[in-house]
Amino acid sequence: MLSNLNDRLNQYSEYAPLILRLALGIVFLVHGWSKLGNLDGMAQMFGGMGVPAPGLMATLVAIVETLGGLALILGIGTRVAAVFLSIVMLVAIVMVKIDLGLIAPTGASMPGAELDLALLAGLVALILQGAGRLSLDQAVLQRA
């Protein structure tokens, strides 16, 4: 029975990277877009957290999240986008979330690192696996 289930599900395995790209891409696109709409507020928040050059960093993070999210959705430059987004997530974990722990204590000013780690894990999976067959990356490779 389990073997039969595996055989049935294996026929859909090519959709796994697409689903992962869409989920991650939407999250990053929405977060990045909201940051682009509030760069002054983001810079102020970054400054309060001790982030160096908070105005520049807020702009860079907003651009990386917006363009990186769009790239993941489209499946173009997927590995490169995932690397840049992974850097953003690692810096967020180390500079902001590390003191909060995995699950922040009740009443903390922000959530713990659980979502950041889940996003990072998905990004690492895309770095290792690539965009998959259902992507612009693959379409470009087939034409070459």
N, C-alpha and C. Protein backbone atom coordinates (compact mmCIF):
# COMPACT_ATOMS: atom_id res chain seq x y z
N MET A 1 0.81 -1.19 0.00
CA MET A 1 0.00 0.00 0.00
C MET A 1 0.86 1.27 0.00
N LEU A 2 1.90 1.28 0.87
CA LEU A 2 2.78 2.45 0.93
C LEU A 2 3.55 2.60 -0.37
N SER A 3 3.96 1.49 -0.95
CA SER A 3 4.67 1.53 -2.23
C SER A 3 3.78 2.11 -3.32
N ASN A 4 2.52 1.72 -3.31
CA ASN A 4 1.57 2.23 -4.29
C ASN A 4 1.37 3.74 -4.11
N LEU A 5 1.27 4.19 -2.87
CA LEU A 5 1.12 5.61 -2.59
C LEU A 5 2.35 6.38 -3.07
N ASN A 6 3.54 5.85 -2.79
CA ASN A 6 4.77 6.50 -3.25
C ASN A 6 4.81 6.60 -4.76
N ASP A 7 4.43 5.52 -5.44
CA ASP A 7 4.41 5.54 -6.91
C ASP A 7 3.45 6.60 -7.43
N ARG A 8 2.28 6.69 -6.81
CA ARG A 8 1.30 7.68 -7.26
C ARG A 8 1.79 9.10 -7.03
N LEU A 9 2.39 9.35 -5.86
CA LEU A 9 2.87 10.70 -5.55
C LEU A 9 4.10 11.07 -6.35
N ASN A 10 4.95 10.10 -6.67
CA ASN A 10 6.17 10.39 -7.44
C ASN A 10 5.87 11.01 -8.80
N GLN A 11 4.72 10.71 -9.35
CA GLN A 11 4.40 11.29 -10.66
C GLN A 11 4.17 12.80 -10.59
N TYR A 12 4.00 13.33 -9.37
CA TYR A 12 3.79 14.76 -9.19
C TYR A 12 5.00 15.46 -8.59
N SER A 13 6.11 14.76 -8.45
CA SER A 13 7.28 15.34 -7.77
C SER A 13 7.84 16.57 -8.47
N GLU A 14 7.62 16.71 -9.76
CA GLU A 14 8.13 17.88 -10.47
C GLU A 14 7.44 19.17 -10.03
N TYR A 15 6.31 19.05 -9.35
CA TYR A 15 5.59 20.23 -8.86
C TYR A 15 6.13 20.74 -7.53
N ALA A 16 6.92 19.94 -6.83
CA ALA A 16 7.42 20.32 -5.50
C ALA A 16 8.22 21.62 -5.53
N PRO A 17 9.20 21.78 -6.42
CA PRO A 17 9.94 23.05 -6.43
C PRO A 17 9.05 24.24 -6.79
N LEU A 18 8.07 24.02 -7.66
CA LEU A 18 7.15 25.10 -8.02
C LEU A 18 6.35 25.55 -6.80
N ILE A 19 5.83 24.61 -6.05
CA ILE A 19 5.04 24.94 -4.85
C ILE A 19 5.92 25.68 -3.85
N LEU A 20 7.14 25.20 -3.64
CA LEU A 20 8.06 25.85 -2.71
C LEU A 20 8.42 27.25 -3.18
N ARG A 21 8.71 27.41 -4.48
CA ARG A 21 9.04 28.73 -5.02
C ARG A 21 7.89 29.70 -4.87
N LEU A 22 6.68 29.25 -5.16
CA LEU A 22 5.52 30.14 -5.07
C LEU A 22 5.27 30.57 -3.63
N ALA A 23 5.32 29.62 -2.70
CA ALA A 23 5.06 29.95 -1.30
C ALA A 23 6.11 30.93 -0.78
N LEU A 24 7.38 30.62 -0.98
CA LEU A 24 8.45 31.50 -0.51
C LEU A 24 8.41 32.84 -1.25
N GLY A 25 8.21 32.78 -2.55
CA GLY A 25 8.21 34.00 -3.35
C GLY A 25 7.12 34.96 -2.94
N ILE A 26 5.93 34.45 -2.67
CA ILE A 26 4.83 35.32 -2.25
C ILE A 26 5.15 35.97 -0.91
N VAL A 27 5.67 35.18 0.04
CA VAL A 27 6.02 35.73 1.36
C VAL A 27 7.04 36.85 1.21
N PHE A 28 8.12 36.60 0.47
CA PHE A 28 9.16 37.61 0.33
C PHE A 28 8.69 38.82 -0.47
N LEU A 29 7.93 38.60 -1.52
CA LEU A 29 7.42 39.71 -2.33
C LEU A 29 6.54 40.63 -1.49
N VAL A 30 5.64 40.07 -0.72
CA VAL A 30 4.73 40.88 0.11
C VAL A 30 5.51 41.62 1.19
N HIS A 31 6.44 40.94 1.86
CA HIS A 31 7.24 41.61 2.90
C HIS A 31 8.12 42.70 2.30
N GLY A 32 8.75 42.41 1.18
CA GLY A 32 9.61 43.40 0.54
C GLY A 32 8.83 44.60 0.04
N TRP A 33 7.67 44.35 -0.55
CA TRP A 33 6.84 45.43 -1.07
C TRP A 33 6.39 46.35 0.06
N SER A 34 6.01 45.75 1.19
CA SER A 34 5.58 46.57 2.33
C SER A 34 6.75 47.40 2.88
N LYS A 35 7.95 46.85 2.83
CA LYS A 35 9.13 47.60 3.27
C LYS A 35 9.42 48.76 2.32
N LEU A 36 9.27 48.52 1.02
CA LEU A 36 9.49 49.60 0.04
C LEU A 36 8.53 50.76 0.28
N GLY A 37 7.34 50.47 0.75
CA GLY A 37 6.36 51.51 1.02
C GLY A 37 6.58 52.24 2.33
N ASN A 38 7.55 51.79 3.11
CA ASN A 38 7.81 52.41 4.42
C ASN A 38 9.30 52.40 4.73
N LEU A 39 10.10 52.88 3.80
CA LEU A 39 11.56 52.84 3.97
C LEU A 39 12.02 53.67 5.16
N ASP A 40 11.40 54.81 5.39
CA ASP A 40 11.80 55.64 6.55
C ASP A 40 11.53 54.90 7.86
N GLY A 41 10.38 54.29 7.96
CA GLY A 41 10.05 53.53 9.16
C GLY A 41 10.97 52.33 9.35
N MET A 42 11.29 51.66 8.23
CA MET A 42 12.21 50.51 8.30
C MET A 42 13.60 50.98 8.74
N ALA A 43 14.06 52.09 8.19
CA ALA A 43 15.37 52.62 8.56
C ALA A 43 15.41 52.97 10.04
N GLN A 44 14.34 53.57 10.52
CA GLN A 44 14.27 53.91 11.94
C GLN A 44 14.30 52.65 12.81
N MET A 45 13.54 51.64 12.41
CA MET A 45 13.52 50.39 13.16
C MET A 45 14.90 49.72 13.13
N PHE A 46 15.53 49.68 11.94
CA PHE A 46 16.86 49.09 11.82
C PHE A 46 17.86 49.84 12.68
N GLY A 47 17.78 51.17 12.68
CA GLY A 47 18.67 51.98 13.50
C GLY A 47 18.51 51.66 14.98
N GLY A 48 17.27 51.48 15.41
CA GLY A 48 16.99 51.14 16.80
C GLY A 48 17.52 49.77 17.20
N MET A 49 17.71 48.90 16.21
CA MET A 49 18.25 47.57 16.48
C MET A 49 19.76 47.53 16.35
N GLY A 50 20.37 48.66 16.02
CA GLY A 50 21.81 48.70 15.89
C GLY A 50 22.35 48.26 14.55
N VAL A 51 21.49 48.21 13.55
CA VAL A 51 21.93 47.84 12.20
C VAL A 51 22.74 49.00 11.64
N PRO A 52 23.96 48.73 11.15
CA PRO A 52 24.76 49.81 10.57
C PRO A 52 24.13 50.34 9.28
N ALA A 53 24.32 51.62 9.01
CA ALA A 53 23.77 52.28 7.81
C ALA A 53 22.30 51.88 7.61
N PRO A 54 21.45 52.19 8.58
CA PRO A 54 20.08 51.68 8.55
C PRO A 54 19.27 52.09 7.33
N GLY A 55 19.48 53.29 6.80
CA GLY A 55 18.75 53.71 5.61
C GLY A 55 19.12 52.88 4.40
N LEU A 56 20.42 52.68 4.22
CA LEU A 56 20.90 51.86 3.11
C LEU A 56 20.45 50.42 3.27
N MET A 57 20.58 49.89 4.47
CA MET A 57 20.21 48.49 4.72
C MET A 57 18.70 48.26 4.52
N ALA A 58 17.89 49.21 4.97
CA ALA A 58 16.45 49.07 4.78
C ALA A 58 16.11 49.01 3.29
N THR A 59 16.77 49.87 2.52
CA THR A 59 16.53 49.89 1.07
C THR A 59 17.00 48.59 0.43
N LEU A 60 18.19 48.13 0.80
CA LEU A 60 18.72 46.88 0.22
C LEU A 60 17.83 45.68 0.57
N VAL A 61 17.43 45.59 1.82
CA VAL A 61 16.57 44.47 2.23
C VAL A 61 15.25 44.51 1.47
N ALA A 62 14.66 45.68 1.36
CA ALA A 62 13.38 45.82 0.66
C ALA A 62 13.51 45.40 -0.81
N ILE A 63 14.60 45.82 -1.44
CA ILE A 63 14.82 45.47 -2.85
C ILE A 63 15.09 43.98 -3.01
N VAL A 64 15.95 43.42 -2.16
CA VAL A 64 16.27 41.99 -2.25
C VAL A 64 15.01 41.16 -2.02
N GLU A 65 14.21 41.52 -1.01
CA GLU A 65 13.00 40.74 -0.74
C GLU A 65 11.98 40.88 -1.87
N THR A 66 11.81 42.07 -2.42
CA THR A 66 10.83 42.28 -3.49
C THR A 66 11.27 41.59 -4.77
N LEU A 67 12.46 41.90 -5.24
CA LEU A 67 12.94 41.30 -6.49
C LEU A 67 13.22 39.81 -6.34
N GLY A 68 13.76 39.43 -5.18
CA GLY A 68 14.01 38.01 -4.93
C GLY A 68 12.72 37.21 -4.89
N GLY A 69 11.70 37.77 -4.25
CA GLY A 69 10.40 37.10 -4.21
C GLY A 69 9.82 36.94 -5.61
N LEU A 70 9.91 37.99 -6.41
CA LEU A 70 9.41 37.92 -7.78
C LEU A 70 10.19 36.89 -8.60
N ALA A 71 11.51 36.86 -8.42
CA ALA A 71 12.34 35.88 -9.13
C ALA A 71 11.94 34.45 -8.76
N LEU A 72 11.68 34.21 -7.48
CA LEU A 72 11.26 32.86 -7.07
C LEU A 72 9.93 32.49 -7.70
N ILE A 73 8.99 33.42 -7.69
CA ILE A 73 7.67 33.15 -8.27
C ILE A 73 7.80 32.77 -9.74
N LEU A 74 8.61 33.53 -10.47
CA LEU A 74 8.79 33.28 -11.90
C LEU A 74 9.74 32.12 -12.18
N GLY A 75 10.56 31.80 -11.20
CA GLY A 75 11.54 30.74 -11.42
C GLY A 75 12.67 31.18 -12.33
N ILE A 76 13.11 32.41 -12.16
CA ILE A 76 14.22 32.92 -12.97
C ILE A 76 15.31 33.43 -12.03
N GLY A 77 16.53 32.95 -12.23
CA GLY A 77 17.62 33.30 -11.33
C GLY A 77 17.35 32.77 -9.93
N THR A 78 16.71 31.63 -9.86
CA THR A 78 16.22 31.09 -8.60
C THR A 78 17.33 30.88 -7.58
N ARG A 79 18.41 30.25 -7.98
CA ARG A 79 19.48 29.97 -7.03
C ARG A 79 20.14 31.27 -6.54
N VAL A 80 20.35 32.20 -7.42
CA VAL A 80 20.96 33.48 -7.04
C VAL A 80 20.02 34.23 -6.08
N ALA A 81 18.75 34.29 -6.43
CA ALA A 81 17.77 34.96 -5.56
C ALA A 81 17.73 34.29 -4.20
N ALA A 82 17.74 32.96 -4.18
CA ALA A 82 17.69 32.23 -2.91
C ALA A 82 18.94 32.49 -2.06
N VAL A 83 20.08 32.66 -2.69
CA VAL A 83 21.31 32.98 -1.94
C VAL A 83 21.17 34.35 -1.27
N PHE A 84 20.75 35.36 -2.04
CA PHE A 84 20.61 36.70 -1.47
C PHE A 84 19.55 36.74 -0.37
N LEU A 85 18.43 36.05 -0.59
CA LEU A 85 17.38 36.01 0.43
C LEU A 85 17.86 35.25 1.67
N SER A 86 18.69 34.22 1.47
CA SER A 86 19.25 33.49 2.62
C SER A 86 20.15 34.39 3.46
N ILE A 87 20.90 35.23 2.80
CA ILE A 87 21.75 36.18 3.53
C ILE A 87 20.88 37.11 4.38
N VAL A 88 19.80 37.61 3.80
CA VAL A 88 18.88 38.48 4.54
C VAL A 88 18.34 37.73 5.76
N MET A 89 17.95 36.47 5.58
CA MET A 89 17.38 35.70 6.69
C MET A 89 18.44 35.42 7.76
N LEU A 90 19.65 35.08 7.35
CA LEU A 90 20.71 34.81 8.33
C LEU A 90 21.02 36.06 9.16
N VAL A 91 21.10 37.20 8.50
CA VAL A 91 21.37 38.45 9.22
C VAL A 91 20.21 38.76 10.17
N ALA A 92 18.98 38.55 9.72
CA ALA A 92 17.81 38.81 10.59
C ALA A 92 17.85 37.90 11.82
N ILE A 93 18.20 36.65 11.62
CA ILE A 93 18.26 35.71 12.75
C ILE A 93 19.35 36.13 13.72
N VAL A 94 20.54 36.42 13.21
CA VAL A 94 21.67 36.74 14.07
C VAL A 94 21.52 38.10 14.75
N MET A 95 21.07 39.11 13.99
CA MET A 95 21.01 40.45 14.56
C MET A 95 19.73 40.74 15.35
N VAL A 96 18.65 40.07 15.00
CA VAL A 96 17.36 40.44 15.59
C VAL A 96 16.75 39.33 16.43
N LYS A 97 16.78 38.11 15.93
CA LYS A 97 15.99 37.05 16.55
C LYS A 97 16.75 36.17 17.53
N ILE A 98 18.06 36.18 17.50
CA ILE A 98 18.84 35.24 18.30
C ILE A 98 18.53 35.37 19.79
N ASP A 99 18.33 36.58 20.28
CA ASP A 99 18.04 36.78 21.70
C ASP A 99 16.63 36.35 22.07
N LEU A 100 15.74 36.29 21.08
CA LEU A 100 14.36 35.89 21.35
C LEU A 100 14.21 34.37 21.41
N GLY A 101 15.13 33.67 20.75
CA GLY A 101 15.05 32.22 20.70
C GLY A 101 14.16 31.75 19.56
N LEU A 102 13.95 30.45 19.52
CA LEU A 102 13.13 29.87 18.46
C LEU A 102 11.68 30.33 18.59
N ILE A 103 11.14 30.22 19.78
CA ILE A 103 9.79 30.70 20.08
C ILE A 103 9.96 31.82 21.12
N ALA A 104 9.55 33.02 20.76
CA ALA A 104 9.71 34.17 21.67
C ALA A 104 8.84 33.99 22.90
N PRO A 105 9.31 34.49 24.04
CA PRO A 105 8.49 34.43 25.24
C PRO A 105 7.22 35.27 25.09
N THR A 106 6.20 34.90 25.81
CA THR A 106 4.94 35.65 25.79
C THR A 106 5.22 37.11 26.13
N GLY A 107 4.64 38.00 25.34
CA GLY A 107 4.81 39.43 25.57
C GLY A 107 6.02 40.03 24.89
N ALA A 108 6.78 39.22 24.15
CA ALA A 108 7.95 39.75 23.43
C ALA A 108 7.50 40.72 22.35
N SER A 109 8.39 41.60 21.97
CA SER A 109 8.05 42.64 20.99
C SER A 109 7.87 42.10 19.58
N MET A 110 8.38 40.90 19.31
CA MET A 110 8.25 40.29 17.99
C MET A 110 8.35 38.78 18.13
N PRO A 111 7.98 38.04 17.09
CA PRO A 111 8.05 36.58 17.17
C PRO A 111 9.50 36.10 17.20
N GLY A 112 9.67 34.86 17.60
CA GLY A 112 10.99 34.25 17.60
C GLY A 112 11.45 33.93 16.18
N ALA A 113 12.47 33.10 16.09
CA ALA A 113 13.12 32.82 14.81
C ALA A 113 12.47 31.68 14.03
N GLU A 114 11.34 31.15 14.50
CA GLU A 114 10.77 29.97 13.85
C GLU A 114 10.43 30.19 12.38
N LEU A 115 9.79 31.30 12.05
CA LEU A 115 9.45 31.56 10.65
C LEU A 115 10.72 31.82 9.84
N ASP A 116 11.64 32.57 10.40
CA ASP A 116 12.89 32.87 9.71
C ASP A 116 13.64 31.57 9.36
N LEU A 117 13.69 30.65 10.31
CA LEU A 117 14.36 29.37 10.07
C LEU A 117 13.63 28.54 9.01
N ALA A 118 12.31 28.54 9.04
CA ALA A 118 11.54 27.81 8.04
C ALA A 118 11.78 28.39 6.65
N LEU A 119 11.78 29.72 6.55
CA LEU A 119 12.05 30.36 5.26
C LEU A 119 13.47 30.05 4.79
N LEU A 120 14.41 30.10 5.71
CA LEU A 120 15.80 29.79 5.36
C LEU A 120 15.93 28.35 4.88
N ALA A 121 15.26 27.42 5.53
CA ALA A 121 15.32 26.01 5.11
C ALA A 121 14.77 25.85 3.69
N GLY A 122 13.66 26.52 3.40
CA GLY A 122 13.11 26.46 2.04
C GLY A 122 14.05 27.05 1.01
N LEU A 123 14.70 28.15 1.37
CA LEU A 123 15.66 28.78 0.45
C LEU A 123 16.86 27.87 0.20
N VAL A 124 17.36 27.24 1.24
CA VAL A 124 18.49 26.31 1.07
C VAL A 124 18.07 25.15 0.17
N ALA A 125 16.85 24.66 0.33
CA ALA A 125 16.36 23.59 -0.55
C ALA A 125 16.37 24.04 -2.01
N LEU A 126 15.96 25.29 -2.27
CA LEU A 126 15.98 25.79 -3.64
C LEU A 126 17.40 25.99 -4.16
N ILE A 127 18.30 26.41 -3.29
CA ILE A 127 19.71 26.55 -3.70
C ILE A 127 20.24 25.19 -4.14
N LEU A 128 19.94 24.16 -3.37
CA LEU A 128 20.45 22.82 -3.66
C LEU A 128 19.75 22.18 -4.86
N GLN A 129 18.44 22.38 -4.96
CA GLN A 129 17.64 21.70 -5.98
C GLN A 129 17.48 22.50 -7.25
N GLY A 130 17.46 23.80 -7.14
CA GLY A 130 17.18 24.64 -8.29
C GLY A 130 15.69 24.87 -8.45
N ALA A 131 15.32 25.55 -9.52
CA ALA A 131 13.95 25.99 -9.74
C ALA A 131 13.00 24.87 -10.14
N GLY A 132 13.54 23.81 -10.68
CA GLY A 132 12.70 22.73 -11.17
C GLY A 132 12.32 22.92 -12.62
N ARG A 133 11.63 21.91 -13.14
CA ARG A 133 11.28 21.88 -14.56
C ARG A 133 10.27 22.97 -14.94
N LEU A 134 9.37 23.31 -14.02
CA LEU A 134 8.33 24.28 -14.31
C LEU A 134 8.78 25.69 -13.90
N SER A 135 9.75 26.22 -14.66
CA SER A 135 10.33 27.50 -14.31
C SER A 135 10.90 28.17 -15.57
N LEU A 136 11.10 29.48 -15.47
CA LEU A 136 11.77 30.18 -16.56
C LEU A 136 13.24 29.78 -16.65
N ASP A 137 13.86 29.47 -15.51
CA ASP A 137 15.24 28.97 -15.52
C ASP A 137 15.35 27.77 -16.46
N GLN A 138 14.44 26.82 -16.32
CA GLN A 138 14.48 25.60 -17.11
C GLN A 138 14.18 25.92 -18.57
N ALA A 139 13.25 26.81 -18.84
CA ALA A 139 12.93 27.19 -20.22
C ALA A 139 14.14 27.80 -20.92
N VAL A 140 14.89 28.62 -20.17
CA VAL A 140 16.09 29.24 -20.73
C VAL A 140 17.15 28.18 -21.01
N LEU A 141 17.33 27.24 -20.09
CA LEU A 141 18.32 26.18 -20.26
C LEU A 141 17.99 25.29 -21.45
N GLN A 142 16.71 25.04 -21.68
CA GLN A 142 16.30 24.19 -22.80
C GLN A 142 16.58 24.85 -24.14
N ARG A 143 16.52 26.19 -24.18
CA ARG A 143 16.78 26.92 -25.43
C ARG A 143 18.27 27.01 -25.73
N ALA A 144 19.11 26.91 -24.68
CA ALA A 144 20.56 27.07 -24.87
C ALA A 144 21.17 25.86 -25.54
